PDB file of N, CA and C in Angstrom:
ATOM      1  N   MET A   1     -16.642 -37.688  18.822  1.00  0.00           N
ATOM      2  CA  MET A   1     -15.626 -36.980  19.571  1.00  0.00           C
ATOM      3  C   MET A   1     -14.546 -36.435  18.642  1.00  0.00           C
ATOM      4  N   ARG A   2     -14.145 -37.237  17.636  1.00  0.00           N
ATOM      5  CA  ARG A   2     -13.109 -36.791  16.712  1.00  0.00           C
ATOM      6  C   ARG A   2     -13.576 -35.582  15.910  1.00  0.00           C
ATOM      7  N   LEU A   3     -14.834 -35.606  15.478  1.00  0.00           N
ATOM      8  CA  LEU A   3     -15.362 -34.504  14.693  1.00  0.00           C
ATOM      9  C   LEU A   3     -15.374 -33.223  15.515  1.00  0.00           C
ATOM     10  N   ARG A   4     -15.745 -33.337  16.786  1.00  0.00           N
ATOM     11  CA  ARG A   4     -15.767 -32.163  17.653  1.00  0.00           C
ATOM     12  C   ARG A   4     -14.348 -31.628  17.878  1.00  0.00           C
ATOM     13  N   THR A   5     -13.387 -32.501  18.080  1.00  0.00           N
ATOM     14  CA  THR A   5     -11.997 -32.087  18.282  1.00  0.00           C
ATOM     15  C   THR A   5     -11.443 -31.435  17.016  1.00  0.00           C
ATOM     16  N   PHE A   6     -11.727 -32.060  15.873  1.00  0.00           N
ATOM     17  CA  PHE A   6     -11.262 -31.504  14.608  1.00  0.00           C
ATOM     18  C   PHE A   6     -11.892 -30.139  14.340  1.00  0.00           C
ATOM     19  N   SER A   7     -13.199 -30.017  14.606  1.00  0.00           N
ATOM     20  CA  SER A   7     -13.893 -28.743  14.392  1.00  0.00           C
ATOM     21  C   SER A   7     -13.320 -27.646  15.277  1.00  0.00           C
ATOM     22  N   ALA A   8     -13.063 -27.986  16.530  1.00  0.00           N
ATOM     23  CA  ALA A   8     -12.489 -26.998  17.450  1.00  0.00           C
ATOM     24  C   ALA A   8     -11.088 -26.593  16.999  1.00  0.00           C
ATOM     25  N   ALA A   9     -10.293 -27.550  16.554  1.00  0.00           N
ATOM     26  CA  ALA A   9      -8.936 -27.253  16.091  1.00  0.00           C
ATOM     27  C   ALA A   9      -8.976 -26.369  14.845  1.00  0.00           C
ATOM     28  N   ALA A  10      -9.867 -26.668  13.914  1.00  0.00           N
ATOM     29  CA  ALA A  10      -9.980 -25.870  12.688  1.00  0.00           C
ATOM     30  C   ALA A  10     -10.448 -24.454  12.994  1.00  0.00           C
ATOM     31  N   LEU A  11     -11.404 -24.320  13.897  1.00  0.00           N
ATOM     32  CA  LEU A  11     -11.904 -22.996  14.273  1.00  0.00           C
ATOM     33  C   LEU A  11     -10.817 -22.178  14.958  1.00  0.00           C
ATOM     34  N   LEU A  12     -10.080 -22.793  15.847  1.00  0.00           N
ATOM     35  CA  LEU A  12      -8.996 -22.098  16.533  1.00  0.00           C
ATOM     36  C   LEU A  12      -7.897 -21.693  15.564  1.00  0.00           C
ATOM     37  N   ALA A  13      -7.562 -22.553  14.635  1.00  0.00           N
ATOM     38  CA  ALA A  13      -6.522 -22.244  13.656  1.00  0.00           C
ATOM     39  C   ALA A  13      -6.953 -21.081  12.761  1.00  0.00           C
ATOM     40  N   ALA A  14      -8.208 -21.081  12.342  1.00  0.00           N
ATOM     41  CA  ALA A  14      -8.702 -19.989  11.500  1.00  0.00           C
ATOM     42  C   ALA A  14      -8.719 -18.673  12.267  1.00  0.00           C
ATOM     43  N   ALA A  15      -9.156 -18.706  13.508  1.00  0.00           N
ATOM     44  CA  ALA A  15      -9.214 -17.484  14.316  1.00  0.00           C
ATOM     45  C   ALA A  15      -7.822 -16.938  14.609  1.00  0.00           C
ATOM     46  N   ALA A  16      -6.852 -17.809  14.757  1.00  0.00           N
ATOM     47  CA  ALA A  16      -5.495 -17.367  15.093  1.00  0.00           C
ATOM     48  C   ALA A  16      -4.800 -16.698  13.923  1.00  0.00           C
ATOM     49  N   THR A  17      -5.220 -16.986  12.702  1.00  0.00           N
ATOM     50  CA  THR A  17      -4.545 -16.402  11.545  1.00  0.00           C
ATOM     51  C   THR A  17      -5.159 -15.082  11.099  1.00  0.00           C
ATOM     52  N   VAL A  18      -6.308 -14.697  11.655  1.00  0.00           N
ATOM     53  CA  VAL A  18      -6.946 -13.430  11.298  1.00  0.00           C
ATOM     54  C   VAL A  18      -6.246 -12.305  12.057  1.00  0.00           C
ATOM     55  N   PRO A  19      -5.814 -11.259  11.366  1.00  0.00           N
ATOM     56  CA  PRO A  19      -5.155 -10.142  12.064  1.00  0.00           C
ATOM     57  C   PRO A  19      -6.100  -9.466  13.044  1.00  0.00           C
ATOM     58  N   LEU A  20      -5.541  -8.866  14.048  1.00  0.00           N
ATOM     59  CA  LEU A  20      -6.344  -8.177  15.044  1.00  0.00           C
ATOM     60  C   LEU A  20      -7.035  -6.979  14.416  1.00  0.00           C
ATOM     61  N   ALA A  21      -8.293  -6.759  14.784  1.00  0.00           N
ATOM     62  CA  ALA A  21      -9.068  -5.683  14.178  1.00  0.00           C
ATOM     63  C   ALA A  21      -8.529  -4.311  14.557  1.00  0.00           C
ATOM     64  N   GLY A  22      -7.941  -4.182  15.721  1.00  0.00           N
ATOM     65  CA  GLY A  22      -7.464  -2.892  16.183  1.00  0.00           C
ATOM     66  C   GLY A  22      -6.102  -2.502  15.653  1.00  0.00           C
ATOM     67  N   ALA A  23      -5.443  -3.378  14.948  1.00  0.00           N
ATOM     68  CA  ALA A  23      -4.097  -3.084  14.451  1.00  0.00           C
ATOM     69  C   ALA A  23      -4.178  -2.091  13.307  1.00  0.00           C
ATOM     70  N   ALA A  24      -3.412  -1.035  13.399  1.00  0.00           N
ATOM     71  CA  ALA A  24      -3.387  -0.032  12.336  1.00  0.00           C
ATOM     72  C   ALA A  24      -2.151  -0.262  11.482  1.00  0.00           C
ATOM     73  N   PHE A  25      -2.349  -0.488  10.190  1.00  0.00           N
ATOM     74  CA  PHE A  25      -1.230  -0.749   9.301  1.00  0.00           C
ATOM     75  C   PHE A  25      -0.791   0.507   8.562  1.00  0.00           C
ATOM     76  N   ALA A  26      -1.636   1.508   8.529  1.00  0.00           N
ATOM     77  CA  ALA A  26      -1.283   2.747   7.857  1.00  0.00           C
ATOM     78  C   ALA A  26      -1.773   3.917   8.694  1.00  0.00           C
ATOM     79  N   GLN A  27      -1.065   5.010   8.591  1.00  0.00           N
ATOM     80  CA  GLN A  27      -1.432   6.187   9.349  1.00  0.00           C
ATOM     81  C   GLN A  27      -2.101   7.168   8.402  1.00  0.00           C
ATOM     82  N   ASP A  28      -3.368   7.493   8.653  1.00  0.00           N
ATOM     83  CA  ASP A  28      -4.089   8.451   7.830  1.00  0.00           C
ATOM     84  C   ASP A  28      -4.242   9.731   8.632  1.00  0.00           C
ATOM     85  N   ARG A  29      -3.623  10.807   8.147  1.00  0.00           N
ATOM     86  CA  ARG A  29      -3.683  12.084   8.843  1.00  0.00           C
ATOM     87  C   ARG A  29      -4.488  13.069   8.014  1.00  0.00           C
ATOM     88  N   ASP A  30      -5.144  13.990   8.706  1.00  0.00           N
ATOM     89  CA  ASP A  30      -5.907  15.040   8.067  1.00  0.00           C
ATOM     90  C   ASP A  30      -5.329  16.391   8.465  1.00  0.00           C
ATOM     91  N   CYS A  31      -5.799  17.461   7.832  1.00  0.00           N
ATOM     92  CA  CYS A  31      -5.262  18.803   8.104  1.00  0.00           C
ATOM     93  C   CYS A  31      -5.316  19.185   9.588  1.00  0.00           C
ATOM     94  N   PRO A  32      -6.376  18.874  10.341  1.00  0.00           N
ATOM     95  CA  PRO A  32      -6.383  19.232  11.767  1.00  0.00           C
ATOM     96  C   PRO A  32      -5.301  18.527  12.591  1.00  0.00           C
ATOM     97  N   ASP A  33      -4.694  17.467  12.044  1.00  0.00           N
ATOM     98  CA  ASP A  33      -3.636  16.754  12.758  1.00  0.00           C
ATOM     99  C   ASP A  33      -2.302  17.501  12.735  1.00  0.00           C
ATOM    100  N   PHE A  34      -2.202  18.569  11.935  1.00  0.00           N
ATOM    101  CA  PHE A  34      -0.969  19.336  11.812  1.00  0.00           C
ATOM    102  C   PHE A  34      -1.162  20.700  12.458  1.00  0.00           C
ATOM    103  N   ALA A  35      -0.148  21.148  13.223  1.00  0.00           N
ATOM    104  CA  ALA A  35      -0.236  22.439  13.908  1.00  0.00           C
ATOM    105  C   ALA A  35      -0.132  23.600  12.922  1.00  0.00           C
ATOM    106  N   THR A  36       0.651  23.452  11.879  1.00  0.00           N
ATOM    107  CA  THR A  36       0.836  24.527  10.910  1.00  0.00           C
ATOM    108  C   THR A  36       0.729  23.988   9.493  1.00  0.00           C
ATOM    109  N   GLN A  37       0.603  24.917   8.575  1.00  0.00           N
ATOM    110  CA  GLN A  37       0.551  24.538   7.171  1.00  0.00           C
ATOM    111  C   GLN A  37       1.900  23.990   6.731  1.00  0.00           C
ATOM    112  N   ALA A  38       2.984  24.538   7.298  1.00  0.00           N
ATOM    113  CA  ALA A  38       4.329  24.079   6.935  1.00  0.00           C
ATOM    114  C   ALA A  38       4.530  22.607   7.315  1.00  0.00           C
ATOM    115  N   GLU A  39       4.008  22.197   8.474  1.00  0.00           N
ATOM    116  CA  GLU A  39       4.092  20.774   8.874  1.00  0.00           C
ATOM    117  C   GLU A  39       3.351  19.895   7.873  1.00  0.00           C
ATOM    118  N   ALA A  40       2.164  20.340   7.490  1.00  0.00           N
ATOM    119  CA  ALA A  40       1.378  19.566   6.527  1.00  0.00           C
ATOM    120  C   ALA A  40       2.093  19.492   5.190  1.00  0.00           C
ATOM    121  N   GLN A  41       2.745  20.583   4.797  1.00  0.00           N
ATOM    122  CA  GLN A  41       3.459  20.603   3.526  1.00  0.00           C
ATOM    123  C   GLN A  41       4.604  19.597   3.538  1.00  0.00           C
ATOM    124  N   GLN A  42       5.291  19.481   4.679  1.00  0.00           N
ATOM    125  CA  GLN A  42       6.390  18.514   4.780  1.00  0.00           C
ATOM    126  C   GLN A  42       5.872  17.082   4.680  1.00  0.00           C
ATOM    127  N   ALA A  43       4.650  16.852   5.136  1.00  0.00           N
ATOM    128  CA  ALA A  43       4.082  15.501   5.110  1.00  0.00           C
ATOM    129  C   ALA A  43       3.418  15.172   3.783  1.00  0.00           C
ATOM    130  N   LEU A  44       3.264  16.161   2.917  1.00  0.00           N
ATOM    131  CA  LEU A  44       2.616  15.931   1.629  1.00  0.00           C
ATOM    132  C   LEU A  44       3.449  14.960   0.803  1.00  0.00           C
ATOM    133  N   ALA A  45       2.871  13.828   0.473  1.00  0.00           N
ATOM    134  CA  ALA A  45       3.576  12.777  -0.264  1.00  0.00           C
ATOM    135  C   ALA A  45       3.134  12.782  -1.718  1.00  0.00           C
ATOM    136  N   PRO A  46       3.966  12.251  -2.608  1.00  0.00           N
ATOM    137  CA  PRO A  46       3.571  12.151  -4.019  1.00  0.00           C
ATOM    138  C   PRO A  46       2.276  11.367  -4.169  1.00  0.00           C
ATOM    139  N   GLY A  47       1.380  11.886  -4.961  1.00  0.00           N
ATOM    140  CA  GLY A  47       0.092  11.233  -5.165  1.00  0.00           C
ATOM    141  C   GLY A  47      -0.931  11.609  -4.103  1.00  0.00           C
ATOM    142  N   ASP A  48      -0.499  12.289  -3.037  1.00  0.00           N
ATOM    143  CA  ASP A  48      -1.358  12.773  -1.949  1.00  0.00           C
ATOM    144  C   ASP A  48      -2.311  11.698  -1.416  1.00  0.00           C
ATOM    145  N   PRO A  49      -1.778  10.592  -0.871  1.00  0.00           N
ATOM    146  CA  PRO A  49      -2.647   9.522  -0.376  1.00  0.00           C
ATOM    147  C   PRO A  49      -3.493   9.939   0.832  1.00  0.00           C
ATOM    148  N   GLU A  50      -3.055  10.957   1.554  1.00  0.00           N
ATOM    149  CA  GLU A  50      -3.809  11.405   2.733  1.00  0.00           C
ATOM    150  C   GLU A  50      -4.765  12.550   2.408  1.00  0.00           C
ATOM    151  N   ARG A  51      -4.812  12.965   1.145  1.00  0.00           N
ATOM    152  CA  ARG A  51      -5.705  14.023   0.670  1.00  0.00           C
ATOM    153  C   ARG A  51      -5.512  15.320   1.462  1.00  0.00           C
ATOM    154  N   LEU A  52      -4.244  15.752   1.587  1.00  0.00           N
ATOM    155  CA  LEU A  52      -3.932  17.003   2.273  1.00  0.00           C
ATOM    156  C   LEU A  52      -4.031  18.194   1.325  1.00  0.00           C
ATOM    157  N   ASP A  53      -3.968  17.944   0.029  1.00  0.00           N
ATOM    158  CA  ASP A  53      -4.039  19.000  -0.985  1.00  0.00           C
ATOM    159  C   ASP A  53      -5.342  18.821  -1.751  1.00  0.00           C
ATOM    160  N   ARG A  54      -6.420  19.381  -1.224  1.00  0.00           N
ATOM    161  CA  ARG A  54      -7.759  19.161  -1.792  1.00  0.00           C
ATOM    162  C   ARG A  54      -7.913  19.724  -3.212  1.00  0.00           C
ATOM    163  N   ASP A  55      -7.269  20.854  -3.495  1.00  0.00           N
ATOM    164  CA  ASP A  55      -7.454  21.462  -4.808  1.00  0.00           C
ATOM    165  C   ASP A  55      -6.314  21.158  -5.788  1.00  0.00           C
ATOM    166  N   ASN A  56      -5.436  20.239  -5.415  1.00  0.00           N
ATOM    167  CA  ASN A  56      -4.352  19.766  -6.291  1.00  0.00           C
ATOM    168  C   ASN A  56      -3.464  20.881  -6.841  1.00  0.00           C
ATOM    169  N   ASP A  57      -3.153  21.866  -5.987  1.00  0.00           N
ATOM    170  CA  ASP A  57      -2.270  22.939  -6.440  1.00  0.00           C
ATOM    171  C   ASP A  57      -0.862  22.807  -5.862  1.00  0.00           C
ATOM    172  N   GLY A  58      -0.578  21.691  -5.173  1.00  0.00           N
ATOM    173  CA  GLY A  58       0.750  21.452  -4.618  1.00  0.00           C
ATOM    174  C   GLY A  58       0.947  22.039  -3.232  1.00  0.00           C
ATOM    175  N   ILE A  59      -0.083  22.680  -2.666  1.00  0.00           N
ATOM    176  CA  ILE A  59       0.005  23.278  -1.337  1.00  0.00           C
ATOM    177  C   ILE A  59      -0.953  22.533  -0.414  1.00  0.00           C
ATOM    178  N   ALA A  60      -0.389  21.944   0.642  1.00  0.00           N
ATOM    179  CA  ALA A  60      -1.184  21.144   1.571  1.00  0.00           C
ATOM    180  C   ALA A  60      -1.824  22.024   2.639  1.00  0.00           C
ATOM    181  N   CYS A  61      -3.038  21.708   3.013  1.00  0.00           N
ATOM    182  CA  CYS A  61      -3.749  22.320   4.149  1.00  0.00           C
ATOM    183  C   CYS A  61      -3.609  23.840   4.141  1.00  0.00           C
ATOM    184  N   GLU A  62      -4.080  24.470   3.099  1.00  0.00           N
ATOM    185  CA  GLU A  62      -3.926  25.910   2.929  1.00  0.00           C
ATOM    186  C   GLU A  62      -4.601  26.725   4.029  1.00  0.00           C
ATOM    187  N   ASN A  63      -5.601  26.174   4.704  1.00  0.00           N
ATOM    188  CA  ASN A  63      -6.316  26.903   5.750  1.00  0.00           C
ATOM    189  C   ASN A  63      -5.659  26.771   7.119  1.00  0.00           C
ATOM    190  N   ASN A  64      -4.650  25.927   7.252  1.00  0.00           N
ATOM    191  CA  ASN A  64      -3.944  25.804   8.532  1.00  0.00           C
ATOM    192  C   ASN A  64      -3.139  27.073   8.791  1.00  0.00           C
ATOM    193  N   PRO A  65      -2.915  27.426  10.075  1.00  0.00           N
ATOM    194  CA  PRO A  65      -2.107  28.620  10.371  1.00  0.00           C
ATOM    195  C   PRO A  65      -0.665  28.402   9.954  1.00  0.00           C
ATOM    196  N   GLY A  66       0.051  29.487   9.734  1.00  0.00           N
ATOM    197  CA  GLY A  66       1.463  29.390   9.405  1.00  0.00           C
ATOM    198  C   GLY A  66       1.775  29.787   7.983  1.00  0.00           C
ATOM    199  N   GLY A  67       0.774  30.191   7.219  1.00  0.00           N
ATOM    200  CA  GLY A  67       1.024  30.684   5.870  1.00  0.00           C
ATOM    201  C   GLY A  67       1.210  29.573   4.863  1.00  0.00           C
ATOM    202  N   ALA A  68       1.342  29.997   3.633  1.00  0.00           N
ATOM    203  CA  ALA A  68       1.509  29.044   2.540  1.00  0.00           C
ATOM    204  C   ALA A  68       2.929  28.525   2.514  1.00  0.00           C
ATOM    205  N   ALA A  69       3.103  27.391   1.913  1.00  0.00           N
ATOM    206  CA  ALA A  69       4.435  26.790   1.813  1.00  0.00           C
ATOM    207  C   ALA A  69       5.281  27.597   0.855  1.00  0.00           C
ATOM    208  N   ALA A  70       6.577  27.558   1.087  1.00  0.00           N
ATOM    209  CA  ALA A  70       7.496  28.262   0.199  1.00  0.00           C
ATOM    210  C   ALA A  70       7.529  27.566  -1.145  1.00  0.00           C
ATOM    211  N   THR A  71       7.455  28.347  -2.190  1.00  0.00           N
ATOM    212  CA  THR A  71       7.544  27.779  -3.529  1.00  0.00           C
ATOM    213  C   THR A  71       8.797  28.318  -4.197  1.00  0.00           C
ATOM    214  N   SER A  72       9.229  27.631  -5.178  1.00  0.00           N
ATOM    215  CA  SER A  72      10.452  28.013  -5.867  1.00  0.00           C
ATOM    216  C   SER A  72      10.205  29.247  -6.725  1.00  0.00           C
ATOM    217  N   THR A  73      11.100  30.228  -6.624  1.00  0.00           N
ATOM    218  CA  THR A  73      10.973  31.429  -7.445  1.00  0.00           C
ATOM    219  C   THR A  73      12.023  31.461  -8.546  1.00  0.00           C
ATOM    220  N   SER A  74      12.892  30.476  -8.573  1.00  0.00           N
ATOM    221  CA  SER A  74      13.929  30.469  -9.596  1.00  0.00           C
ATOM    222  C   SER A  74      13.370  29.951 -10.905  1.00  0.00           C
ATOM    223  N   ASP A  75      14.014  30.337 -11.983  1.00  0.00           N
ATOM    224  CA  ASP A  75      13.604  29.851 -13.291  1.00  0.00           C
ATOM    225  C   ASP A  75      14.345  28.544 -13.537  1.00  0.00           C
ATOM    226  N   ASP A  76      13.662  27.441 -13.289  1.00  0.00           N
ATOM    227  CA  ASP A  76      14.313  26.136 -13.385  1.00  0.00           C
ATOM    228  C   ASP A  76      13.917  25.396 -14.660  1.00  0.00           C
ATOM    229  N   GLY A  77      13.430  26.123 -15.633  1.00  0.00           N
ATOM    230  CA  GLY A  77      13.119  25.478 -16.897  1.00  0.00           C
ATOM    231  C   GLY A  77      11.748  24.845 -16.920  1.00  0.00           C
ATOM    232  N   GLY A  78      10.823  25.272 -16.061  1.00  0.00           N
ATOM    233  CA  GLY A  78       9.459  24.772 -16.095  1.00  0.00           C
ATOM    234  C   GLY A  78       9.237  23.498 -15.303  1.00  0.00           C
ATOM    235  N   SER A  79       9.976  23.283 -14.240  1.00  0.00           N
ATOM    236  CA  SER A  79       9.785  22.098 -13.408  1.00  0.00           C
ATOM    237  C   SER A  79       8.398  22.122 -12.782  1.00  0.00           C
ATOM    238  N   GLN A  80       7.775  20.981 -12.668  1.00  0.00           N
ATOM    239  CA  GLN A  80       6.452  20.886 -12.080  1.00  0.00           C
ATOM    240  C   GLN A  80       6.502  20.671 -10.579  1.00  0.00           C
ATOM    241  N   VAL A  81       7.681  20.582 -10.007  1.00  0.00           N
ATOM    242  CA  VAL A  81       7.818  20.351  -8.573  1.00  0.00           C
ATOM    243  C   VAL A  81       7.649  21.668  -7.843  1.00  0.00           C
ATOM    244  N   ALA A  82       6.614  21.764  -6.970  1.00  0.00           N
ATOM    245  CA  ALA A  82       6.348  22.993  -6.241  1.00  0.00           C
ATOM    246  C   ALA A  82       7.086  23.012  -4.907  1.00  0.00           C
ATOM    247  N   ALA A  83       7.324  21.846  -4.324  1.00  0.00           N
ATOM    248  CA  ALA A  83       8.003  21.777  -3.028  1.00  0.00           C
ATOM    249  C   ALA A  83       8.853  20.527  -2.996  1.00  0.00           C
ATOM    250  N   THR A  84      10.001  20.631  -2.368  1.00  0.00           N
ATOM    251  CA  THR A  84      10.887  19.486  -2.240  1.00  0.00           C
ATOM    252  C   THR A  84      10.650  18.816  -0.889  1.00  0.00           C
ATOM    253  N   PRO A  85      10.404  17.521  -0.848  1.00  0.00           N
ATOM    254  CA  PRO A  85      10.164  16.839   0.426  1.00  0.00           C
ATOM    255  C   PRO A  85      11.374  16.934   1.349  1.00  0.00           C
ATOM    256  N   VAL A  86      11.109  17.026   2.636  1.00  0.00           N
ATOM    257  CA  VAL A  86      12.164  17.096   3.639  1.00  0.00           C
ATOM    258  C   VAL A  86      11.993  15.903   4.568  1.00  0.00           C
ATOM    259  N   GLY A  87      13.070  15.214   4.868  1.00  0.00           N
ATOM    260  CA  GLY A  87      13.000  14.081   5.792  1.00  0.00           C
ATOM    261  C   GLY A  87      12.658  12.786   5.084  1.00  0.00           C
ATOM    262  N   GLY A  88      12.508  11.756   5.869  1.00  0.00           N
ATOM    263  CA  GLY A  88      12.210  10.443   5.320  1.00  0.00           C
ATOM    264  C   GLY A  88      10.748  10.290   4.961  1.00  0.00           C
ATOM    265  N   VAL A  89      10.461   9.289   4.192  1.00  0.00           N
ATOM    266  CA  VAL A  89       9.102   8.975   3.808  1.00  0.00           C
ATOM    267  C   VAL A  89       8.640   7.789   4.632  1.00  0.00           C
ATOM    268  N   GLU A  90       7.496   7.947   5.282  1.00  0.00           N
ATOM    269  CA  GLU A  90       6.968   6.870   6.112  1.00  0.00           C
ATOM    270  C   GLU A  90       6.456   5.744   5.224  1.00  0.00           C
ATOM    271  N   ALA A  91       6.927   4.557   5.497  1.00  0.00           N
ATOM    272  CA  ALA A  91       6.522   3.397   4.714  1.00  0.00           C
ATOM    273  C   ALA A  91       5.632   2.495   5.561  1.00  0.00           C
ATOM    274  N   GLY A  92       5.007   1.534   4.947  1.00  0.00           N
ATOM    275  CA  GLY A  92       4.105   0.620   5.644  1.00  0.00           C
ATOM    276  C   GLY A  92       4.811  -0.318   6.585  1.00  0.00           C
ATOM    277  N   GLY A  93       4.036  -1.016   7.367  1.00  0.00           N
ATOM    278  CA  GLY A  93       4.423  -1.856   8.479  1.00  0.00           C
ATOM    279  C   GLY A  93       5.714  -2.626   8.428  1.00  0.00           C
ATOM    280  N   GLY A  94       6.081  -3.213   7.324  1.00  0.00           N
ATOM    281  CA  GLY A  94       7.309  -3.992   7.263  1.00  0.00           C
ATOM    282  C   GLY A  94       7.197  -5.307   8.004  1.00  0.00           C
ATOM    283  N   PRO A  95       8.292  -5.751   8.623  1.00  0.00           N
ATOM    284  CA  PRO A  95       8.307  -7.060   9.257  1.00  0.00           C
ATOM    285  C   PRO A  95       7.286  -7.237  10.382  1.00  0.00           C
ATOM    286  N   SER A  96       6.837  -6.161  11.010  1.00  0.00           N
ATOM    287  CA  SER A  96       5.883  -6.323  12.101  1.00  0.00           C
ATOM    288  C   SER A  96       4.544  -6.862  11.608  1.00  0.00           C
ATOM    289  N   ASP A  97       4.229  -6.701  10.303  1.00  0.00           N
ATOM    290  CA  ASP A  97       2.987  -7.231   9.756  1.00  0.00           C
ATOM    291  C   ASP A  97       3.008  -8.753   9.687  1.00  0.00           C
ATOM    292  N   VAL A  98       4.168  -9.347   9.705  1.00  0.00           N
ATOM    293  CA  VAL A  98       4.307 -10.786   9.583  1.00  0.00           C
ATOM    294  C   VAL A  98       4.046 -11.483  10.920  1.00  0.00           C
ATOM    295  N   LEU A  99       4.218 -10.766  12.004  1.00  0.00           N
ATOM    296  CA  LEU A  99       4.092 -11.374  13.333  1.00  0.00           C
ATOM    297  C   LEU A  99       2.738 -12.041  13.571  1.00  0.00           C
ATOM    298  N   PRO A 100       1.584 -11.402  13.327  1.00  0.00           N
ATOM    299  CA  PRO A 100       0.304 -12.088  13.559  1.00  0.00           C
ATOM    300  C   PRO A 100       0.154 -13.349  12.715  1.00  0.00           C
ATOM    301  N   ILE A 101       0.643 -13.315  11.494  1.00  0.00           N
ATOM    302  CA  ILE A 101       0.531 -14.494  10.629  1.00  0.00           C
ATOM    303  C   ILE A 101       1.417 -15.617  11.150  1.00  0.00           C
ATOM    304  N   ALA A 102       2.636 -15.271  11.574  1.00  0.00           N
ATOM    305  CA  ALA A 102       3.553 -16.284  12.096  1.00  0.00           C
ATOM    306  C   ALA A 102       3.000 -16.901  13.380  1.00  0.00           C
ATOM    307  N   LEU A 103       2.464 -16.072  14.267  1.00  0.00           N
ATOM    308  CA  LEU A 103       1.887 -16.601  15.509  1.00  0.00           C
ATOM    309  C   LEU A 103       0.665 -17.467  15.224  1.00  0.00           C
ATOM    310  N   GLY A 104      -0.136 -17.055  14.258  1.00  0.00           N
ATOM    311  CA  GLY A 104      -1.304 -17.848  13.877  1.00  0.00           C
ATOM    312  C   GLY A 104      -0.904 -19.198  13.312  1.00  0.00           C
ATOM    313  N   ALA A 105       0.128 -19.220  12.476  1.00  0.00           N
ATOM    314  CA  ALA A 105       0.606 -20.476  11.911  1.00  0.00           C
ATOM    315  C   ALA A 105       1.167 -21.383  12.997  1.00  0.00           C
ATOM    316  N   LEU A 106       1.886 -20.797  13.945  1.00  0.00           N
ATOM    317  CA  LEU A 106       2.431 -21.570  15.063  1.00  0.00           C
ATOM    318  C   LEU A 106       1.307 -22.163  15.910  1.00  0.00           C
ATOM    319  N   ALA A 107       0.284 -21.354  16.184  1.00  0.00           N
ATOM    320  CA  ALA A 107      -0.856 -21.836  16.968  1.00  0.00           C
ATOM    321  C   ALA A 107      -1.609 -22.935  16.211  1.00  0.00           C
ATOM    322  N   ALA A 108      -1.782 -22.734  14.903  1.00  0.00           N
ATOM    323  CA  ALA A 108      -2.481 -23.746  14.102  1.00  0.00           C
ATOM    324  C   ALA A 108      -1.713 -25.065  14.105  1.00  0.00           C
ATOM    325  N   GLY A 109      -0.379 -24.982  14.005  1.00  0.00           N
ATOM    326  CA  GLY A 109       0.431 -26.198  14.052  1.00  0.00           C
ATOM    327  C   GLY A 109       0.314 -26.897  15.396  1.00  0.00           C
ATOM    328  N   GLY A 110       0.304 -26.119  16.476  1.00  0.00           N
ATOM    329  CA  GLY A 110       0.160 -26.710  17.812  1.00  0.00           C
ATOM    330  C   GLY A 110      -1.192 -27.365  18.006  1.00  0.00           C
ATOM    331  N   VAL A 111      -2.234 -26.688  17.552  1.00  0.00           N
ATOM    332  CA  VAL A 111      -3.585 -27.257  17.667  1.00  0.00           C
ATOM    333  C   VAL A 111      -3.687 -28.520  16.826  1.00  0.00           C
ATOM    334  N   GLY A 112      -3.107 -28.481  15.631  1.00  0.00           N
ATOM    335  CA  GLY A 112      -3.128 -29.669  14.782  1.00  0.00           C
ATOM    336  C   GLY A 112      -2.384 -30.831  15.411  1.00  0.00           C
ATOM    337  N   ALA A 113      -1.239 -30.549  16.056  1.00  0.00           N
ATOM    338  CA  ALA A 113      -0.473 -31.608  16.716  1.00  0.00           C
ATOM    339  C   ALA A 113      -1.254 -32.216  17.877  1.00  0.00           C
ATOM    340  N   VAL A 114      -1.927 -31.373  18.647  1.00  0.00           N
ATOM    341  CA  VAL A 114      -2.737 -31.877  19.764  1.00  0.00           C
ATOM    342  C   VAL A 114      -3.885 -32.729  19.242  1.00  0.00           C
ATOM    343  N   ALA A 115      -4.533 -32.266  18.181  1.00  0.00           N
ATOM    344  CA  ALA A 115      -5.647 -33.032  17.607  1.00  0.00           C
ATOM    345  C   ALA A 115      -5.164 -34.378  17.066  1.00  0.00           C
ATOM    346  N   ALA A 116      -4.021 -34.385  16.409  1.00  0.00           N
ATOM    347  CA  ALA A 116      -3.481 -35.639  15.884  1.00  0.00           C
ATOM    348  C   ALA A 116      -3.111 -36.590  17.018  1.00  0.00           C
ATOM    349  N   ARG A 117      -2.525 -36.050  18.065  1.00  0.00           N
ATOM    350  CA  ARG A 117      -2.152 -36.887  19.222  1.00  0.00           C
ATOM    351  C   ARG A 117      -3.393 -37.484  19.866  1.00  0.00           C
ATOM    352  N   ARG A 118      -4.439 -36.691  20.008  1.00  0.00           N
ATOM    353  CA  ARG A 118      -5.686 -37.216  20.598  1.00  0.00           C
ATOM    354  C   ARG A 118      -6.290 -38.301  19.726  1.00  0.00           C
ATOM    355  N   ALA A 119      -6.194 -38.136  18.410  1.00  0.00           N
ATOM    356  CA  ALA A 119      -6.743 -39.143  17.506  1.00  0.00           C
ATOM    357  C   ALA A 119      -5.986 -40.458  17.646  1.00  0.00           C
ATOM    358  N   VAL A 120      -4.661 -40.395  17.792  1.00  0.00           N
ATOM    359  CA  VAL A 120      -3.850 -41.595  17.963  1.00  0.00           C
ATOM    360  C   VAL A 120      -4.191 -42.287  19.269  1.00  0.00           C
ATOM    361  N   VAL A 121      -4.318 -41.498  20.333  1.00  0.00           N
ATOM    362  CA  VAL A 121      -4.648 -42.080  21.661  1.00  0.00           C
ATOM    363  C   VAL A 121      -6.042 -42.686  21.615  1.00  0.00           C
ATOM    364  N   ALA A 122      -6.988 -42.048  20.935  1.00  0.00           N
ATOM    365  CA  ALA A 122      -8.354 -42.569  20.860  1.00  0.00           C
ATOM    366  C   ALA A 122      -8.387 -43.891  20.079  1.00  0.00           C
ATOM    367  N   ARG A 123      -7.538 -44.044  19.070  1.00  0.00           N
ATOM    368  CA  ARG A 123      -7.500 -45.297  18.301  1.00  0.00           C
ATOM    369  C   ARG A 123      -6.955 -46.444  19.140  1.00  0.00           C
ATOM    370  N   ARG A 124      -6.029 -46.125  20.014  1.00  0.00           N
ATOM    371  CA  ARG A 124      -5.432 -47.182  20.870  1.00  0.00           C
ATOM    372  C   ARG A 124      -6.428 -47.715  21.885  1.00  0.00           C
ATOM    373  N   ASN A 125      -7.333 -46.877  22.324  1.00  0.00           N
ATOM    374  CA  ASN A 125      -8.313 -47.302  23.346  1.00  0.00           C
ATOM    375  C   ASN A 125      -9.493 -47.934  22.763  1.00  0.00           C
TER     376      ASN A 125
END
């Protein structure tokens, strides 16, 4: 009986700490997700993690409607920056990523406490 209780508690604790499969921690967008080329250009991040600039020329989603992104025409001494980002940069999950782990740890502690209590009661009988 103890082995079965311990096995069930261990299985439940392990299952509770695994993140949900449907949880999305990062947003991956493609060119069809943007209405215009200008929108895609604003979302173009350094290093192009979403692969919006296939030919690495600094212009995102060139085939989207809305024309090419504005580029600098001033003589700035040979800067390699083709476009200046506008708005904030979307970052990863942050504190919300900790919630499944915290709930799993809480559940594991509860299951462990119940298993320990049952073991004590079983020894008394």
